[in-house]
């Protein structure tokens, strides 16, 4: 189906705001959505700063979401790709998140013990 072809793996040890929560923030305050986006993007950029960059383009990315509960739908959760890609670009891990550089995504969800910390692994496929 697909093959992981890069030796580089990026791990983001964090749970993200879901799409529904983001939409509610946008509706409640005109600056709340921008504040969430900035905070989430900056958190990713800080975690990935100094990591090995992707050198060959275009690429597809596989996102493995390690989640502690099933209450949030996958599409609601994977909305955080926006923050992750912007953070990767800000950290210099990817050149850009446009279609010249990133041509597709695969999302996979792994359920972990409720005491485990949620995280996302990103690999080139």
PDB file of N, CA and C in Angstrom:
ATOM      1  N   UNK A   1       0.823  -1.190   0.000  1.00  0.00           N
ATOM      2  CA  UNK A   1       0.000   0.000   0.000  1.00  0.00           C
ATOM      3  C   UNK A   1       0.865   1.251   0.000  1.00  0.00           C
ATOM      4  N   UNK A   2       1.675   1.448   1.013  1.00  0.00           N
ATOM      5  CA  UNK A   2       2.635   2.543   1.043  1.00  0.00           C
ATOM      6  C   UNK A   2       3.832   2.086   1.832  1.00  0.00           C
ATOM      7  N   UNK A   3       4.932   2.731   1.592  1.00  0.00           N
ATOM      8  CA  UNK A   3       6.176   2.326   2.238  1.00  0.00           C
ATOM      9  C   UNK A   3       6.849   3.549   2.840  1.00  0.00           C
ATOM     10  N   UNK A   4       7.262   3.424   4.077  1.00  0.00           N
ATOM     11  CA  UNK A   4       8.021   4.493   4.707  1.00  0.00           C
ATOM     12  C   UNK A   4       9.408   4.460   4.094  1.00  0.00           C
ATOM     13  N   UNK A   5       9.839   5.580   3.511  1.00  0.00           N
ATOM     14  CA  UNK A   5      11.095   5.560   2.776  1.00  0.00           C
ATOM     15  C   UNK A   5      12.158   6.479   3.367  1.00  0.00           C
ATOM     16  N   UNK A   6      11.855   7.182   4.401  1.00  0.00           N
ATOM     17  CA  UNK A   6      12.847   8.081   4.985  1.00  0.00           C
ATOM     18  C   UNK A   6      13.355   7.512   6.299  1.00  0.00           C
ATOM     19  N   UNK A   7      14.583   7.805   6.584  1.00  0.00           N
ATOM     20  CA  UNK A   7      15.148   7.399   7.863  1.00  0.00           C
ATOM     21  C   UNK A   7      14.758   8.380   8.957  1.00  0.00           C
ATOM     22  N   UNK A   8      14.239   9.512   8.551  1.00  0.00           N
ATOM     23  CA  UNK A   8      13.900  10.570   9.488  1.00  0.00           C
ATOM     24  C   UNK A   8      12.460  10.420   9.959  1.00  0.00           C
ATOM     25  N   UNK A   9      12.292  10.491  11.266  1.00  0.00           N
ATOM     26  CA  UNK A   9      10.957  10.466  11.861  1.00  0.00           C
ATOM     27  C   UNK A   9      10.878  11.637  12.829  1.00  0.00           C
ATOM     28  N   UNK A  10       9.799  12.352  12.772  1.00  0.00           N
ATOM     29  CA  UNK A  10       9.575  13.471  13.677  1.00  0.00           C
ATOM     30  C   UNK A  10       8.498  13.066  14.669  1.00  0.00           C
ATOM     31  N   UNK A  11       8.750  13.308  15.932  1.00  0.00           N
ATOM     32  CA  UNK A  11       7.784  12.970  16.979  1.00  0.00           C
ATOM     33  C   UNK A  11       7.394  14.254  17.695  1.00  0.00           C
ATOM     34  N   UNK A  12       6.104  14.450  17.798  1.00  0.00           N
ATOM     35  CA  UNK A  12       5.575  15.620  18.495  1.00  0.00           C
ATOM     36  C   UNK A  12       4.803  15.100  19.701  1.00  0.00           C
ATOM     37  N   UNK A  13       5.375  15.283  20.880  1.00  0.00           N
ATOM     38  CA  UNK A  13       4.779  14.807  22.128  1.00  0.00           C
ATOM     39  C   UNK A  13       3.795  15.836  22.660  1.00  0.00           C
ATOM     40  N   UNK A  14       2.594  15.806  22.103  1.00  0.00           N
ATOM     41  CA  UNK A  14       1.600  16.791  22.502  1.00  0.00           C
ATOM     42  C   UNK A  14       0.247  16.378  21.975  1.00  0.00           C
ATOM     43  N   UNK A  15      -0.788  16.733  22.686  1.00  0.00           N
ATOM     44  CA  UNK A  15      -2.138  16.588  22.146  1.00  0.00           C
ATOM     45  C   UNK A  15      -2.539  17.967  21.617  1.00  0.00           C
ATOM     46  N   UNK A  16      -3.342  17.962  20.588  1.00  0.00           N
ATOM     47  CA  UNK A  16      -3.694  19.206  19.904  1.00  0.00           C
ATOM     48  C   UNK A  16      -5.156  19.564  20.103  1.00  0.00           C
ATOM     49  N   UNK A  17      -5.451  20.818  19.866  1.00  0.00           N
ATOM     50  CA  UNK A  17      -6.822  21.306  19.842  1.00  0.00           C
ATOM     51  C   UNK A  17      -7.521  20.635  18.659  1.00  0.00           C
ATOM     52  N   UNK A  18      -8.723  20.174  18.865  1.00  0.00           N
ATOM     53  CA  UNK A  18      -9.506  19.580  17.788  1.00  0.00           C
ATOM     54  C   UNK A  18     -10.217  20.647  16.972  1.00  0.00           C
ATOM     55  N   UNK A  19     -10.699  20.249  15.814  1.00  0.00           N
ATOM     56  CA  UNK A  19     -11.378  21.184  14.921  1.00  0.00           C
ATOM     57  C   UNK A  19     -12.604  21.800  15.590  1.00  0.00           C
ATOM     58  N   UNK A  20     -13.415  21.004  16.283  1.00  0.00           N
ATOM     59  CA  UNK A  20     -14.616  21.548  16.925  1.00  0.00           C
ATOM     60  C   UNK A  20     -14.266  22.609  17.966  1.00  0.00           C
ATOM     61  N   UNK A  21     -13.242  22.353  18.753  1.00  0.00           N
ATOM     62  CA  UNK A  21     -12.809  23.325  19.763  1.00  0.00           C
ATOM     63  C   UNK A  21     -12.296  24.602  19.091  1.00  0.00           C
ATOM     64  N   UNK A  22     -11.567  24.436  17.997  1.00  0.00           N
ATOM     65  CA  UNK A  22     -11.044  25.587  17.255  1.00  0.00           C
ATOM     66  C   UNK A  22     -12.193  26.426  16.682  1.00  0.00           C
ATOM     67  N   UNK A  23     -13.174  25.764  16.098  1.00  0.00           N
ATOM     68  CA  UNK A  23     -14.333  26.480  15.537  1.00  0.00           C
ATOM     69  C   UNK A  23     -15.083  27.228  16.630  1.00  0.00           C
ATOM     70  N   UNK A  24     -15.287  26.592  17.776  1.00  0.00           N
ATOM     71  CA  UNK A  24     -15.973  27.265  18.889  1.00  0.00           C
ATOM     72  C   UNK A  24     -15.207  28.489  19.355  1.00  0.00           C
ATOM     73  N   UNK A  25     -13.882  28.398  19.395  1.00  0.00           N
ATOM     74  CA  UNK A  25     -13.064  29.547  19.787  1.00  0.00           C
ATOM     75  C   UNK A  25     -13.206  30.671  18.769  1.00  0.00           C
ATOM     76  N   UNK A  26     -13.177  30.323  17.486  1.00  0.00           N
ATOM     77  CA  UNK A  26     -13.335  31.322  16.419  1.00  0.00           C
ATOM     78  C   UNK A  26     -14.671  32.046  16.548  1.00  0.00           C
ATOM     79  N   UNK A  27     -15.700  31.309  16.886  1.00  0.00           N
ATOM     80  CA  UNK A  27     -17.034  31.897  16.987  1.00  0.00           C
ATOM     81  C   UNK A  27     -17.210  32.750  18.234  1.00  0.00           C
ATOM     82  N   UNK A  28     -16.445  32.452  19.277  1.00  0.00           N
ATOM     83  CA  UNK A  28     -16.620  33.176  20.534  1.00  0.00           C
ATOM     84  C   UNK A  28     -15.844  34.479  20.593  1.00  0.00           C
ATOM     85  N   UNK A  29     -14.730  34.560  19.887  1.00  0.00           N
ATOM     86  CA  UNK A  29     -13.869  35.750  19.970  1.00  0.00           C
ATOM     87  C   UNK A  29     -13.087  35.862  18.673  1.00  0.00           C
ATOM     88  N   UNK A  30     -13.045  37.033  18.100  1.00  0.00           N
ATOM     89  CA  UNK A  30     -12.410  37.196  16.792  1.00  0.00           C
ATOM     90  C   UNK A  30     -10.910  36.932  16.801  1.00  0.00           C
ATOM     91  N   UNK A  31     -10.284  36.973  17.961  1.00  0.00           N
ATOM     92  CA  UNK A  31      -8.842  36.732  18.043  1.00  0.00           C
ATOM     93  C   UNK A  31      -8.483  35.346  18.588  1.00  0.00           C
ATOM     94  N   UNK A  32      -9.462  34.632  19.094  1.00  0.00           N
ATOM     95  CA  UNK A  32      -9.193  33.354  19.756  1.00  0.00           C
ATOM     96  C   UNK A  32      -8.620  32.313  18.799  1.00  0.00           C
ATOM     97  N   UNK A  33      -9.153  32.219  17.591  1.00  0.00           N
ATOM     98  CA  UNK A  33      -8.649  31.253  16.617  1.00  0.00           C
ATOM     99  C   UNK A  33      -7.203  31.530  16.243  1.00  0.00           C
ATOM    100  N   UNK A  34      -6.884  32.789  16.012  1.00  0.00           N
ATOM    101  CA  UNK A  34      -5.510  33.167  15.665  1.00  0.00           C
ATOM    102  C   UNK A  34      -4.559  32.867  16.819  1.00  0.00           C
ATOM    103  N   UNK A  35      -5.022  33.055  18.027  1.00  0.00           N
ATOM    104  CA  UNK A  35      -4.207  32.778  19.208  1.00  0.00           C
ATOM    105  C   UNK A  35      -3.907  31.281  19.327  1.00  0.00           C
ATOM    106  N   UNK A  36      -4.927  30.453  19.095  1.00  0.00           N
ATOM    107  CA  UNK A  36      -4.737  28.999  19.142  1.00  0.00           C
ATOM    108  C   UNK A  36      -3.767  28.568  18.054  1.00  0.00           C
ATOM    109  N   UNK A  37      -3.955  29.063  16.837  1.00  0.00           N
ATOM    110  CA  UNK A  37      -3.086  28.676  15.728  1.00  0.00           C
ATOM    111  C   UNK A  37      -1.638  29.053  16.014  1.00  0.00           C
ATOM    112  N   UNK A  38      -1.435  30.248  16.507  1.00  0.00           N
ATOM    113  CA  UNK A  38      -0.078  30.714  16.818  1.00  0.00           C
ATOM    114  C   UNK A  38       0.566  29.849  17.902  1.00  0.00           C
ATOM    115  N   UNK A  39      -0.179  29.553  18.963  1.00  0.00           N
ATOM    116  CA  UNK A  39       0.356  28.756  20.067  1.00  0.00           C
ATOM    117  C   UNK A  39       0.685  27.330  19.621  1.00  0.00           C
ATOM    118  N   UNK A  40      -0.222  26.699  18.880  1.00  0.00           N
ATOM    119  CA  UNK A  40       0.000  25.320  18.426  1.00  0.00           C
ATOM    120  C   UNK A  40       1.161  25.259  17.425  1.00  0.00           C
ATOM    121  N   UNK A  41       1.207  26.191  16.493  1.00  0.00           N
ATOM    122  CA  UNK A  41       2.288  26.230  15.493  1.00  0.00           C
ATOM    123  C   UNK A  41       3.634  26.461  16.164  1.00  0.00           C
ATOM    124  N   UNK A  42       3.694  27.396  17.097  1.00  0.00           N
ATOM    125  CA  UNK A  42       4.951  27.685  17.796  1.00  0.00           C
ATOM    126  C   UNK A  42       5.414  26.505  18.643  1.00  0.00           C
ATOM    127  N   UNK A  43       4.477  25.792  19.250  1.00  0.00           N
ATOM    128  CA  UNK A  43       4.838  24.611  20.058  1.00  0.00           C
ATOM    129  C   UNK A  43       5.503  23.556  19.180  1.00  0.00           C
ATOM    130  N   UNK A  44       4.945  23.317  18.003  1.00  0.00           N
ATOM    131  CA  UNK A  44       5.530  22.348  17.067  1.00  0.00           C
ATOM    132  C   UNK A  44       6.903  22.823  16.607  1.00  0.00           C
ATOM    133  N   UNK A  45       7.008  24.088  16.236  1.00  0.00           N
ATOM    134  CA  UNK A  45       8.284  24.634  15.764  1.00  0.00           C
ATOM    135  C   UNK A  45       9.373  24.485  16.822  1.00  0.00           C
ATOM    136  N   UNK A  46       9.045  24.733  18.074  1.00  0.00           N
ATOM    137  CA  UNK A  46      10.028  24.582  19.147  1.00  0.00           C
ATOM    138  C   UNK A  46      10.465  23.135  19.319  1.00  0.00           C
ATOM    139  N   UNK A  47       9.519  22.197  19.208  1.00  0.00           N
ATOM    140  CA  UNK A  47       9.854  20.781  19.354  1.00  0.00           C
ATOM    141  C   UNK A  47      10.728  20.271  18.214  1.00  0.00           C
ATOM    142  N   UNK A  48      10.581  20.869  17.029  1.00  0.00           N
ATOM    143  CA  UNK A  48      11.299  20.376  15.859  1.00  0.00           C
ATOM    144  C   UNK A  48      12.525  21.206  15.479  1.00  0.00           C
ATOM    145  N   UNK A  49      12.738  22.292  16.186  1.00  0.00           N
ATOM    146  CA  UNK A  49      13.885  23.154  15.875  1.00  0.00           C
ATOM    147  C   UNK A  49      15.185  22.358  15.968  1.00  0.00           C
ATOM    148  N   UNK A  50      16.002  22.457  14.919  1.00  0.00           N
ATOM    149  CA  UNK A  50      17.287  21.775  14.892  1.00  0.00           C
ATOM    150  C   UNK A  50      17.225  20.336  14.407  1.00  0.00           C
ATOM    151  N   UNK A  51      16.026  19.822  14.107  1.00  0.00           N
ATOM    152  CA  UNK A  51      15.896  18.451  13.600  1.00  0.00           C
ATOM    153  C   UNK A  51      16.312  18.409  12.129  1.00  0.00           C
ATOM    154  N   UNK A  52      16.692  17.232  11.678  1.00  0.00           N
ATOM    155  CA  UNK A  52      17.130  17.051  10.296  1.00  0.00           C
ATOM    156  C   UNK A  52      16.004  17.399   9.319  1.00  0.00           C
ATOM    157  N   UNK A  53      16.291  18.247   8.332  1.00  0.00           N
ATOM    158  CA  UNK A  53      15.250  18.618   7.376  1.00  0.00           C
ATOM    159  C   UNK A  53      15.047  17.549   6.302  1.00  0.00           C
ATOM    160  N   UNK A  54      13.883  17.575   5.702  1.00  0.00           N
ATOM    161  CA  UNK A  54      13.604  16.736   4.535  1.00  0.00           C
ATOM    162  C   UNK A  54      14.328  17.376   3.361  1.00  0.00           C
ATOM    163  N   UNK A  55      15.047  16.577   2.593  1.00  0.00           N
ATOM    164  CA  UNK A  55      15.903  17.126   1.543  1.00  0.00           C
ATOM    165  C   UNK A  55      15.357  16.952   0.135  1.00  0.00           C
ATOM    166  N   UNK A  56      14.539  15.912  -0.094  1.00  0.00           N
ATOM    167  CA  UNK A  56      14.029  15.643  -1.437  1.00  0.00           C
ATOM    168  C   UNK A  56      12.525  15.849  -1.483  1.00  0.00           C
ATOM    169  N   UNK A  57      12.086  16.512  -2.530  1.00  0.00           N
ATOM    170  CA  UNK A  57      10.663  16.820  -2.713  1.00  0.00           C
ATOM    171  C   UNK A  57      10.245  16.440  -4.116  1.00  0.00           C
ATOM    172  N   UNK A  58       8.968  16.251  -4.354  1.00  0.00           N
ATOM    173  CA  UNK A  58       7.840  16.293  -3.426  1.00  0.00           C
ATOM    174  C   UNK A  58       7.746  15.011  -2.603  1.00  0.00           C
ATOM    175  N   UNK A  59       7.034  15.094  -1.479  1.00  0.00           N
ATOM    176  CA  UNK A  59       6.869  13.954  -0.585  1.00  0.00           C
ATOM    177  C   UNK A  59       5.408  13.808  -0.155  1.00  0.00           C
ATOM    178  N   UNK A  60       5.102  12.602   0.302  1.00  0.00           N
ATOM    179  CA  UNK A  60       3.852  12.343   1.018  1.00  0.00           C
ATOM    180  C   UNK A  60       4.250  12.083   2.458  1.00  0.00           C
ATOM    181  N   UNK A  61       3.376  12.447   3.380  1.00  0.00           N
ATOM    182  CA  UNK A  61       3.665  12.274   4.797  1.00  0.00           C
ATOM    183  C   UNK A  61       2.654  11.333   5.444  1.00  0.00           C
ATOM    184  N   UNK A  62       3.171  10.473   6.297  1.00  0.00           N
ATOM    185  CA  UNK A  62       2.320   9.587   7.091  1.00  0.00           C
ATOM    186  C   UNK A  62       2.271  10.142   8.515  1.00  0.00           C
ATOM    187  N   UNK A  63       1.079  10.415   8.990  1.00  0.00           N
ATOM    188  CA  UNK A  63       0.851  10.885  10.348  1.00  0.00           C
ATOM    189  C   UNK A  63       0.288   9.720  11.157  1.00  0.00           C
ATOM    190  N   UNK A  64       0.994   9.327  12.202  1.00  0.00           N
ATOM    191  CA  UNK A  64       0.480   8.313  13.119  1.00  0.00           C
ATOM    192  C   UNK A  64       0.104   9.035  14.405  1.00  0.00           C
ATOM    193  N   UNK A  65      -1.174   9.043  14.694  1.00  0.00           N
ATOM    194  CA  UNK A  65      -1.721   9.740  15.847  1.00  0.00           C
ATOM    195  C   UNK A  65      -1.898   8.730  16.977  1.00  0.00           C
ATOM    196  N   UNK A  66      -1.202   8.927  18.082  1.00  0.00           N
ATOM    197  CA  UNK A  66      -1.338   8.073  19.264  1.00  0.00           C
ATOM    198  C   UNK A  66      -2.323   8.776  20.194  1.00  0.00           C
ATOM    199  N   UNK A  67      -3.498   8.198  20.326  1.00  0.00           N
ATOM    200  CA  UNK A  67      -4.587   8.856  21.038  1.00  0.00           C
ATOM    201  C   UNK A  67      -5.030   8.033  22.238  1.00  0.00           C
ATOM    202  N   UNK A  68      -5.396   8.719  23.305  1.00  0.00           N
ATOM    203  CA  UNK A  68      -5.749   8.055  24.553  1.00  0.00           C
ATOM    204  C   UNK A  68      -7.249   7.820  24.709  1.00  0.00           C
ATOM    205  N   UNK A  69      -8.060   8.428  23.855  1.00  0.00           N
ATOM    206  CA  UNK A  69      -9.498   8.173  23.938  1.00  0.00           C
ATOM    207  C   UNK A  69     -10.109   8.228  22.545  1.00  0.00           C
ATOM    208  N   UNK A  70     -11.289   7.646  22.427  1.00  0.00           N
ATOM    209  CA  UNK A  70     -11.968   7.572  21.135  1.00  0.00           C
ATOM    210  C   UNK A  70     -13.096   8.590  21.015  1.00  0.00           C
ATOM    211  N   UNK A  71     -13.146   9.525  21.946  1.00  0.00           N
ATOM    212  CA  UNK A  71     -14.250  10.495  21.930  1.00  0.00           C
ATOM    213  C   UNK A  71     -14.149  11.473  20.774  1.00  0.00           C
ATOM    214  N   UNK A  72     -12.938  11.801  20.332  1.00  0.00           N
ATOM    215  CA  UNK A  72     -12.771  12.759  19.249  1.00  0.00           C
ATOM    216  C   UNK A  72     -12.600  12.004  17.930  1.00  0.00           C
ATOM    217  N   UNK A  73     -13.387  12.359  16.925  1.00  0.00           N
ATOM    218  CA  UNK A  73     -13.287  11.727  15.607  1.00  0.00           C
ATOM    219  C   UNK A  73     -11.914  11.966  14.993  1.00  0.00           C
ATOM    220  N   UNK A  74     -11.534  11.055  14.110  1.00  0.00           N
ATOM    221  CA  UNK A  74     -10.237  11.169  13.446  1.00  0.00           C
ATOM    222  C   UNK A  74     -10.083  12.443  12.646  1.00  0.00           C
ATOM    223  N   UNK A  75     -11.128  12.840  11.919  1.00  0.00           N
ATOM    224  CA  UNK A  75     -11.017  14.057  11.106  1.00  0.00           C
ATOM    225  C   UNK A  75     -10.934  15.306  11.979  1.00  0.00           C
ATOM    226  N   UNK A  76     -11.588  15.282  13.120  1.00  0.00           N
ATOM    227  CA  UNK A  76     -11.517  16.385  14.077  1.00  0.00           C
ATOM    228  C   UNK A  76     -10.091  16.492  14.635  1.00  0.00           C
ATOM    229  N   UNK A  77      -9.495  15.362  14.896  1.00  0.00           N
ATOM    230  CA  UNK A  77      -8.142  15.286  15.456  1.00  0.00           C
ATOM    231  C   UNK A  77      -7.082  15.656  14.418  1.00  0.00           C
ATOM    232  N   UNK A  78      -7.224  15.097  13.210  1.00  0.00           N
ATOM    233  CA  UNK A  78      -6.184  15.285  12.189  1.00  0.00           C
ATOM    234  C   UNK A  78      -6.187  16.685  11.594  1.00  0.00           C
ATOM    235  N   UNK A  79      -7.161  17.496  11.940  1.00  0.00           N
ATOM    236  CA  UNK A  79      -7.161  18.912  11.569  1.00  0.00           C
ATOM    237  C   UNK A  79      -5.862  19.581  12.028  1.00  0.00           C
ATOM    238  N   UNK A  80      -5.239  19.049  13.075  1.00  0.00           N
ATOM    239  CA  UNK A  80      -3.996  19.616  13.623  1.00  0.00           C
ATOM    240  C   UNK A  80      -2.848  19.547  12.630  1.00  0.00           C
ATOM    241  N   UNK A  81      -3.028  18.836  11.508  1.00  0.00           N
ATOM    242  CA  UNK A  81      -2.002  18.830  10.450  1.00  0.00           C
ATOM    243  C   UNK A  81      -1.645  20.256  10.042  1.00  0.00           C
ATOM    244  N   UNK A  82      -2.630  21.136  10.041  1.00  0.00           N
ATOM    245  CA  UNK A  82      -2.386  22.540   9.688  1.00  0.00           C
ATOM    246  C   UNK A  82      -1.328  23.137  10.607  1.00  0.00           C
ATOM    247  N   UNK A  83      -1.482  22.945  11.896  1.00  0.00           N
ATOM    248  CA  UNK A  83      -0.528  23.480  12.861  1.00  0.00           C
ATOM    249  C   UNK A  83       0.831  22.789  12.718  1.00  0.00           C
ATOM    250  N   UNK A  84       0.791  21.477  12.501  1.00  0.00           N
ATOM    251  CA  UNK A  84       2.025  20.694  12.411  1.00  0.00           C
ATOM    252  C   UNK A  84       2.834  21.109  11.186  1.00  0.00           C
ATOM    253  N   UNK A  85       2.189  21.197  10.029  1.00  0.00           N
ATOM    254  CA  UNK A  85       2.916  21.577   8.809  1.00  0.00           C
ATOM    255  C   UNK A  85       3.463  22.996   8.893  1.00  0.00           C
ATOM    256  N   UNK A  86       2.677  23.904   9.430  1.00  0.00           N
ATOM    257  CA  UNK A  86       3.167  25.278   9.594  1.00  0.00           C
ATOM    258  C   UNK A  86       4.335  25.316  10.574  1.00  0.00           C
ATOM    259  N   UNK A  87       4.268  24.523  11.636  1.00  0.00           N
ATOM    260  CA  UNK A  87       5.367  24.437  12.598  1.00  0.00           C
ATOM    261  C   UNK A  87       6.607  23.800  11.989  1.00  0.00           C
ATOM    262  N   UNK A  88       6.411  22.781  11.144  1.00  0.00           N
ATOM    263  CA  UNK A  88       7.543  22.145  10.466  1.00  0.00           C
ATOM    264  C   UNK A  88       8.241  23.145   9.546  1.00  0.00           C
ATOM    265  N   UNK A  89       7.464  23.948   8.839  1.00  0.00           N
ATOM    266  CA  UNK A  89       8.044  24.966   7.956  1.00  0.00           C
ATOM    267  C   UNK A  89       8.773  26.030   8.775  1.00  0.00           C
ATOM    268  N   UNK A  90       8.170  26.452   9.866  1.00  0.00           N
ATOM    269  CA  UNK A  90       8.783  27.466  10.722  1.00  0.00           C
ATOM    270  C   UNK A  90      10.098  26.977  11.325  1.00  0.00           C
ATOM    271  N   UNK A  91      10.180  25.674  11.632  1.00  0.00           N
ATOM    272  CA  UNK A  91      11.395  25.092  12.211  1.00  0.00           C
ATOM    273  C   UNK A  91      12.444  24.768  11.149  1.00  0.00           C
ATOM    274  N   UNK A  92      12.066  24.876   9.864  1.00  0.00           N
ATOM    275  CA  UNK A  92      13.006  24.578   8.792  1.00  0.00           C
ATOM    276  C   UNK A  92      13.112  23.104   8.449  1.00  0.00           C
ATOM    277  N   UNK A  93      12.173  22.303   8.922  1.00  0.00           N
ATOM    278  CA  UNK A  93      12.180  20.864   8.653  1.00  0.00           C
ATOM    279  C   UNK A  93      11.661  20.585   7.242  1.00  0.00           C
ATOM    280  N   UNK A  94      10.700  21.372   6.790  1.00  0.00           N
ATOM    281  CA  UNK A  94      10.251  21.324   5.401  1.00  0.00           C
ATOM    282  C   UNK A  94      10.440  22.707   4.806  1.00  0.00           C
ATOM    283  N   UNK A  95      10.623  22.748   3.484  1.00  0.00           N
ATOM    284  CA  UNK A  95      10.814  24.046   2.826  1.00  0.00           C
ATOM    285  C   UNK A  95       9.516  24.829   2.799  1.00  0.00           C
ATOM    286  N   UNK A  96       8.422  24.130   2.530  1.00  0.00           N
ATOM    287  CA  UNK A  96       7.133  24.771   2.386  1.00  0.00           C
ATOM    288  C   UNK A  96       6.075  23.680   2.486  1.00  0.00           C
ATOM    289  N   UNK A  97       4.848  24.037   2.806  1.00  0.00           N
ATOM    290  CA  UNK A  97       3.802  23.020   2.867  1.00  0.00           C
ATOM    291  C   UNK A  97       2.864  23.091   1.662  1.00  0.00           C
ATOM    292  N   UNK A  98       3.318  23.743   0.585  1.00  0.00           N
ATOM    293  CA  UNK A  98       2.476  23.831  -0.604  1.00  0.00           C
ATOM    294  C   UNK A  98       2.541  22.544  -1.422  1.00  0.00           C
ATOM    295  N   UNK A  99       1.777  22.482  -2.504  1.00  0.00           N
ATOM    296  CA  UNK A  99       1.684  21.267  -3.308  1.00  0.00           C
ATOM    297  C   UNK A  99       2.944  20.966  -4.116  1.00  0.00           C
ATOM    298  N   UNK A 100       3.859  21.895  -4.213  1.00  0.00           N
ATOM    299  CA  UNK A 100       5.149  21.600  -4.843  1.00  0.00           C
ATOM    300  C   UNK A 100       6.020  20.745  -3.932  1.00  0.00           C
ATOM    301  N   UNK A 101       5.737  20.765  -2.635  1.00  0.00           N
ATOM    302  CA  UNK A 101       6.563  20.063  -1.653  1.00  0.00           C
ATOM    303  C   UNK A 101       5.855  18.895  -0.987  1.00  0.00           C
ATOM    304  N   UNK A 102       4.608  19.078  -0.583  1.00  0.00           N
ATOM    305  CA  UNK A 102       3.831  18.038   0.106  1.00  0.00           C
ATOM    306  C   UNK A 102       2.664  17.660  -0.810  1.00  0.00           C
ATOM    307  N   UNK A 103       2.681  16.421  -1.325  1.00  0.00           N
ATOM    308  CA  UNK A 103       1.665  16.038  -2.315  1.00  0.00           C
ATOM    309  C   UNK A 103       0.622  15.067  -1.781  1.00  0.00           C
ATOM    310  N   UNK A 104       0.685  14.748  -0.506  1.00  0.00           N
ATOM    311  CA  UNK A 104      -0.338  13.878   0.047  1.00  0.00           C
ATOM    312  C   UNK A 104      -0.079  13.505   1.489  1.00  0.00           C
ATOM    313  N   UNK A 105      -1.118  12.913   2.095  1.00  0.00           N
ATOM    314  CA  UNK A 105      -1.068  12.528   3.501  1.00  0.00           C
ATOM    315  C   UNK A 105      -1.701  11.157   3.690  1.00  0.00           C
ATOM    316  N   UNK A 106      -1.239  10.470   4.707  1.00  0.00           N
ATOM    317  CA  UNK A 106      -1.887   9.262   5.193  1.00  0.00           C
ATOM    318  C   UNK A 106      -2.028   9.439   6.697  1.00  0.00           C
ATOM    319  N   UNK A 107      -3.217   9.193   7.211  1.00  0.00           N
ATOM    320  CA  UNK A 107      -3.448   9.265   8.654  1.00  0.00           C
ATOM    321  C   UNK A 107      -3.713   7.872   9.190  1.00  0.00           C
ATOM    322  N   UNK A 108      -3.085   7.588  10.306  1.00  0.00           N
ATOM    323  CA  UNK A 108      -3.310   6.321  10.993  1.00  0.00           C
ATOM    324  C   UNK A 108      -3.496   6.648  12.472  1.00  0.00           C
ATOM    325  N   UNK A 109      -4.425   5.940  13.119  1.00  0.00           N
ATOM    326  CA  UNK A 109      -4.718   6.204  14.525  1.00  0.00           C
ATOM    327  C   UNK A 109      -4.407   4.967  15.350  1.00  0.00           C
ATOM    328  N   UNK A 110      -3.656   5.162  16.423  1.00  0.00           N
ATOM    329  CA  UNK A 110      -3.282   4.087  17.329  1.00  0.00           C
ATOM    330  C   UNK A 110      -3.809   4.468  18.706  1.00  0.00           C
ATOM    331  N   UNK A 111      -4.585   3.581  19.305  1.00  0.00           N
ATOM    332  CA  UNK A 111      -5.141   3.867  20.617  1.00  0.00           C
ATOM    333  C   UNK A 111      -4.193   3.353  21.685  1.00  0.00           C
ATOM    334  N   UNK A 112      -3.869   4.221  22.623  1.00  0.00           N
ATOM    335  CA  UNK A 112      -2.935   3.890  23.695  1.00  0.00           C
ATOM    336  C   UNK A 112      -3.663   3.949  25.026  1.00  0.00           C
ATOM    337  N   UNK A 113      -3.034   3.444  26.048  1.00  0.00           N
ATOM    338  CA  UNK A 113      -3.565   3.475  27.401  1.00  0.00           C
ATOM    339  C   UNK A 113      -3.930   4.909  27.775  1.00  0.00           C
ATOM    340  N   UNK A 114      -5.004   5.069  28.511  1.00  0.00           N
ATOM    341  CA  UNK A 114      -5.467   6.413  28.867  1.00  0.00           C
ATOM    342  C   UNK A 114      -4.451   7.190  29.700  1.00  0.00           C
ATOM    343  N   UNK A 115      -3.505   6.495  30.328  1.00  0.00           N
ATOM    344  CA  UNK A 115      -2.472   7.174  31.105  1.00  0.00           C
ATOM    345  C   UNK A 115      -1.289   7.593  30.231  1.00  0.00           C
ATOM    346  N   UNK A 116      -1.229   7.079  29.009  1.00  0.00           N
ATOM    347  CA  UNK A 116      -0.125   7.400  28.102  1.00  0.00           C
ATOM    348  C   UNK A 116      -0.299   8.812  27.551  1.00  0.00           C
ATOM    349  N   UNK A 117       0.805   9.414  27.217  1.00  0.00           N
ATOM    350  CA  UNK A 117       0.782  10.745  26.651  1.00  0.00           C
ATOM    351  C   UNK A 117       0.487  10.661  25.152  1.00  0.00           C
ATOM    352  N   UNK A 118      -0.416  11.512  24.689  1.00  0.00           N
ATOM    353  CA  UNK A 118      -0.716  11.525  23.260  1.00  0.00           C
ATOM    354  C   UNK A 118       0.459  12.125  22.488  1.00  0.00           C
ATOM    355  N   UNK A 119       0.620  11.667  21.255  1.00  0.00           N
ATOM    356  CA  UNK A 119       1.706  12.175  20.410  1.00  0.00           C
ATOM    357  C   UNK A 119       1.360  11.911  18.961  1.00  0.00           C
ATOM    358  N   UNK A 120       2.173  12.512  18.080  1.00  0.00           N
ATOM    359  CA  UNK A 120       2.043  12.318  16.643  1.00  0.00           C
ATOM    360  C   UNK A 120       3.416  12.017  16.095  1.00  0.00           C
ATOM    361  N   UNK A 121       3.519  10.982  15.255  1.00  0.00           N
ATOM    362  CA  UNK A 121       4.762  10.684  14.540  1.00  0.00           C
ATOM    363  C   UNK A 121       4.539  11.003  13.077  1.00  0.00           C
ATOM    364  N   UNK A 122       5.523  11.662  12.459  1.00  0.00           N
ATOM    365  CA  UNK A 122       5.434  12.014  11.055  1.00  0.00           C
ATOM    366  C   UNK A 122       6.591  11.373  10.315  1.00  0.00           C
ATOM    367  N   UNK A 123       6.269  10.625   9.240  1.00  0.00           N
ATOM    368  CA  UNK A 123       7.285   9.969   8.433  1.00  0.00           C
ATOM    369  C   UNK A 123       7.048  10.268   6.964  1.00  0.00           C
ATOM    370  N   UNK A 124       8.111  10.257   6.164  1.00  0.00           N
ATOM    371  CA  UNK A 124       7.990  10.419   4.727  1.00  0.00           C
ATOM    372  C   UNK A 124       7.650   9.056   4.136  1.00  0.00           C
ATOM    373  N   UNK A 125       6.654   9.029   3.230  1.00  0.00           N
ATOM    374  CA  UNK A 125       6.308   7.758   2.555  1.00  0.00           C
ATOM    375  C   UNK A 125       6.445   7.922   1.047  1.00  0.00           C
TER     376      UNK A 125
END
